[in-house]
Amino acid sequence: MIKKKFFFLFFSFFFIALLNNCSKGPIVTDIVKGIYDTKALNKKTNSKKIKILTGDTINSLSKKYKVTKKELIRFNKLKSPYILKPGKFLEIPVSKRYKIKKGDTLYEIAKCNSINILEIKNKNIKINEKKLIVGAIINLPYYANNNCKPQNKKIIKKYKIKSTQIFSWPVKGKTITYFGKQKGGRKNDGINIISAQGNPVRAALGGKVIYRGNELLAWGNLIIIKHKNNWTTAYAHLDKLLVKKGEIVKTGDIIASVGSTGNVDKSQLHFQVRKHSKPLDPIKFLKSP
């Protein structure tokens, strides 16, 4: 399978831990690292190219090369029903390795790598969740990415941000989910605004469209706009996308229409504001309606 050259987009953005109320899974880490295209993650991941033989299936290749079916499907961007054609090529991603430290639990390892416990167990069949061995090496999915490294306090202080109303409301509607922790411990890195299907979604501030697509399945159709002074806004669950990547938009320009794409069942807009990759409460930076 011949792959296209991929690209990295602007600095770190949002959605760490995908445990917020709009998305689930490790793809969030990609976004945190500034990768707005899942293919860009593949670009920096080691892999082995194999030729598909008669009788090969996702299940058989998963067992043969000790990778999960999810990894094969995601890395090769396969579509259901995942039928493999003999003679074509498939790439086998190389697993990440993790050394168990004192005090580690599968929950903490999964959380720090933006994956879930089941994904770790699938990669390490004999692992004993209750008796992790300090110093032992375990396998993690290729898309795992440790984001729990100690942060520099000086950097945190440097990026301390004061509230200022600089953004316009992107859509008319009622806010149904607010920023921060939700019931069940989940975290929302933005706000969700309920609005009628097809209502216009407007750029909250002028800037450049740096992402337009739907590769993050949980988010559905998504647009990301980069603004001056390291601000970034994101608009998810859209219906029609009315701007192109690289396009310059002004505050109030219609960029899309409200939809229910992704993992929501009601038409709404998920809106996020970030600066220096840090998620901020949009309400504190939105002008009065």
Foldseek 3Di string as FASTA:
>chain_A
DDDDDDDFADAAADCALLLAPQGAFLVGVCNRRRRPALQVLLVPFDKDKDFDAPPDFLVVVCVVVLHDSVLQCSSQVDDPPRDDDGGDMGIGTDWDKDAAAPPDALCVQCNQFSHHSVQQCSSPVPDDRVDHDGGDMGTGRRSGDGPPDDDDPVVVVVPDDDQAADWAAFFDAAWDAFAAADPPRGGALETKGADDWFGFGWGRAWFFWADFDANRQSFGTKIKGADPQQKIKMKTQFDAAQDDHGDTDGGGDGGGTWHRGHPGDGTIITMWMDGSNHTDGVVSHHDDD
